[in-house]
Amino acid sequence: MKFNIPNWLIIIGGIGQIFTALIYPYIRHRVFDWYTDVKQLKPLNQEIAKTYGRYIQGLNFSFGLIAIVLPTQLKEQSALAIAITGLIAAYWIGKVATQIAYYPMYEIPKKKIFKIGSYFMNCLFTLFAVVYTLLVLYNSIGFFNI
């Protein structure tokens, strides 16, 4: 089976990932009132929660930057391309699985903009998972001569 993933699709995914990194603080603050909840934790746990939030934001931004700057290298069909696209695919597949498994149990504020935004973000997360899964398959097929 021979297929190709266009660079523009990878770049659009990269732009979307940077968007998620930039919108992340707004979502935490305005949609989930996250900082109010974090203030109820012990000081060390507050810092841990904030640090993990920054990790998520940093990973989303970094993955997006890699996709925008190096789309051709992400489909080189090398061991490194498999490793990087596999890591990013696993990250986004895990995010989508978490969204499906856990988030429906919680209430998103009823404002229409937040409801539309949640659908939009879920579509973006799914797009990222699909693009990087396709990249892993593409790279693996070429690398292992399948």
Protein backbone atom coordinates (compact mmCIF):
# COMPACT_ATOMS: atom_id res chain seq x y z
CA MET A 1 0.00 0.00 0.00
CA LYS A 2 1.47 3.32 -1.12
CA PHE A 3 0.17 6.67 0.10
CA ASN A 4 1.53 10.12 0.80
CA ILE A 5 0.70 12.72 3.41
CA PRO A 6 0.85 16.25 2.03
CA ASN A 7 3.03 18.78 3.83
CA TRP A 8 0.13 21.25 3.99
CA LEU A 9 -1.83 18.80 6.16
CA ILE A 10 1.10 18.44 8.55
CA ILE A 11 1.52 22.24 8.66
CA ILE A 12 -2.20 22.78 9.33
CA GLY A 13 -1.89 20.27 12.17
CA GLY A 14 1.12 22.23 13.46
CA ILE A 15 -0.77 25.50 13.37
CA GLY A 16 -3.62 23.82 15.25
CA GLN A 17 -1.27 22.51 17.91
CA ILE A 18 0.23 25.96 18.45
CA PHE A 19 -3.31 27.33 18.66
CA THR A 20 -4.13 24.80 21.39
CA ALA A 21 -1.04 25.88 23.31
CA LEU A 22 -1.96 29.55 23.05
CA ILE A 23 -5.65 29.06 23.95
CA TYR A 24 -4.88 26.67 26.83
CA PRO A 25 -4.53 29.38 29.53
CA TYR A 26 -7.83 30.97 28.46
CA ILE A 27 -9.63 27.63 28.65
CA ARG A 28 -8.20 26.87 32.08
CA HIS A 29 -9.12 30.29 33.43
CA ARG A 30 -12.40 31.18 31.73
CA VAL A 31 -14.01 27.82 31.04
CA PHE A 32 -12.89 25.69 33.98
CA ASP A 33 -12.01 28.30 36.62
CA TRP A 34 -8.94 26.15 37.12
CA TYR A 35 -6.96 28.59 39.25
CA THR A 36 -9.70 28.75 41.89
CA ASP A 37 -9.56 24.97 42.21
CA VAL A 38 -5.76 24.89 42.27
CA LYS A 39 -5.71 27.42 45.13
CA GLN A 40 -7.44 24.81 47.30
CA LEU A 41 -4.44 22.50 47.04
CA LYS A 42 -1.42 22.50 49.32
CA PRO A 43 1.34 24.85 48.04
CA LEU A 44 3.54 22.06 46.67
CA ASN A 45 0.57 20.45 44.89
CA GLN A 46 -0.34 23.86 43.46
CA GLU A 47 3.12 24.12 41.93
CA ILE A 48 2.96 20.56 40.60
CA ALA A 49 -0.42 21.23 38.95
CA LYS A 50 0.87 24.46 37.41
CA THR A 51 4.03 22.72 36.21
CA TYR A 52 2.05 19.96 34.50
CA GLY A 53 -0.13 22.62 32.90
CA ARG A 54 3.00 24.26 31.51
CA TYR A 55 4.30 20.88 30.28
CA ILE A 56 1.08 20.33 28.34
CA GLN A 57 1.23 23.81 26.89
CA GLY A 58 4.91 23.42 26.01
CA LEU A 59 4.44 20.04 24.36
CA ASN A 60 1.53 21.28 22.26
CA PHE A 61 3.57 24.30 21.14
CA SER A 62 6.71 22.23 20.47
CA PHE A 63 4.87 19.57 18.49
CA GLY A 64 3.25 22.32 16.42
CA LEU A 65 6.57 24.05 15.79
CA ILE A 66 8.17 20.77 14.69
CA ALA A 67 5.29 20.15 12.27
CA ILE A 68 5.50 23.64 10.76
CA VAL A 69 9.29 23.80 10.46
CA LEU A 70 10.06 20.16 9.60
CA PRO A 71 7.08 18.61 7.75
CA THR A 72 9.27 16.84 5.19
CA GLN A 73 11.55 15.40 7.88
CA LEU A 74 8.52 14.03 9.72
CA LYS A 75 7.92 11.73 6.75
CA GLU A 76 11.49 10.67 5.97
CA GLN A 77 10.65 7.04 6.75
CA SER A 78 13.62 6.85 9.12
CA ALA A 79 13.81 5.39 12.61
CA LEU A 80 13.85 8.90 14.06
CA ALA A 81 10.77 9.93 12.04
CA ILE A 82 8.96 6.83 13.33
CA ALA A 83 10.00 7.64 16.91
CA ILE A 84 8.96 11.30 16.80
CA THR A 85 5.67 10.76 14.96
CA GLY A 86 4.96 7.75 17.19
CA LEU A 87 5.50 9.85 20.32
CA ILE A 88 3.25 12.63 19.05
CA ALA A 89 0.60 10.17 17.84
CA ALA A 90 0.56 8.43 21.24
CA TYR A 91 0.24 11.81 22.97
CA TRP A 92 -2.79 12.85 20.90
CA ILE A 93 -4.42 9.40 20.92
CA GLY A 94 -4.10 9.48 24.71
CA LYS A 95 -5.66 12.95 24.78
CA VAL A 96 -8.61 11.83 22.63
CA ALA A 97 -9.09 8.67 24.71
CA THR A 98 -9.05 10.76 27.89
CA GLN A 99 -11.59 13.18 26.41
CA ILE A 100 -13.92 10.29 25.54
CA ALA A 101 -13.45 8.31 28.74
CA TYR A 102 -13.47 10.99 31.42
CA TYR A 103 -14.57 14.43 30.26
CA PRO A 104 -18.24 13.63 29.51
CA MET A 105 -18.69 13.09 33.26
CA TYR A 106 -18.06 16.79 33.87
CA GLU A 107 -20.11 19.82 33.04
CA ILE A 108 -18.78 22.40 30.63
CA PRO A 109 -20.33 25.81 31.26
CA LYS A 110 -23.55 26.21 29.28
CA LYS A 111 -22.48 29.27 27.28
CA LYS A 112 -22.85 28.59 23.56
CA ILE A 113 -19.27 29.69 22.80
CA PHE A 114 -17.89 27.10 25.25
CA LYS A 115 -20.06 24.34 23.80
CA ILE A 116 -18.97 25.16 20.23
CA GLY A 117 -15.39 25.50 21.44
CA SER A 118 -15.45 22.05 23.03
CA TYR A 119 -16.58 20.47 19.76
CA PHE A 120 -13.95 22.44 17.84
CA MET A 121 -11.16 21.43 20.21
CA ASN A 122 -12.22 17.76 20.14
CA CYS A 123 -12.16 17.87 16.33
CA LEU A 124 -8.66 19.38 16.46
CA PHE A 125 -7.42 16.71 18.88
CA THR A 126 -8.85 14.00 16.63
CA LEU A 127 -7.21 15.59 13.58
CA PHE A 128 -3.84 15.57 15.34
CA ALA A 129 -4.25 11.92 16.37
CA VAL A 130 -5.20 10.90 12.81
CA VAL A 131 -2.42 12.89 11.08
CA TYR A 132 0.32 11.56 13.33
CA THR A 133 -1.01 8.00 13.22
CA LEU A 134 -0.94 8.21 9.42
CA LEU A 135 2.61 9.55 9.61
CA VAL A 136 3.69 6.64 11.83
CA LEU A 137 2.14 4.18 9.37
CA TYR A 138 3.68 5.95 6.38
CA ASN A 139 7.12 6.03 8.01
CA SER A 140 6.89 2.41 9.16
CA ILE A 141 5.83 1.14 5.74
CA GLY A 142 8.79 2.87 4.12
CA PHE A 143 11.31 2.02 6.82
CA PHE A 144 10.39 -1.67 7.06
CA ASN A 145 9.67 -2.00 3.31
CA ILE A 146 6.18 -3.33 3.96
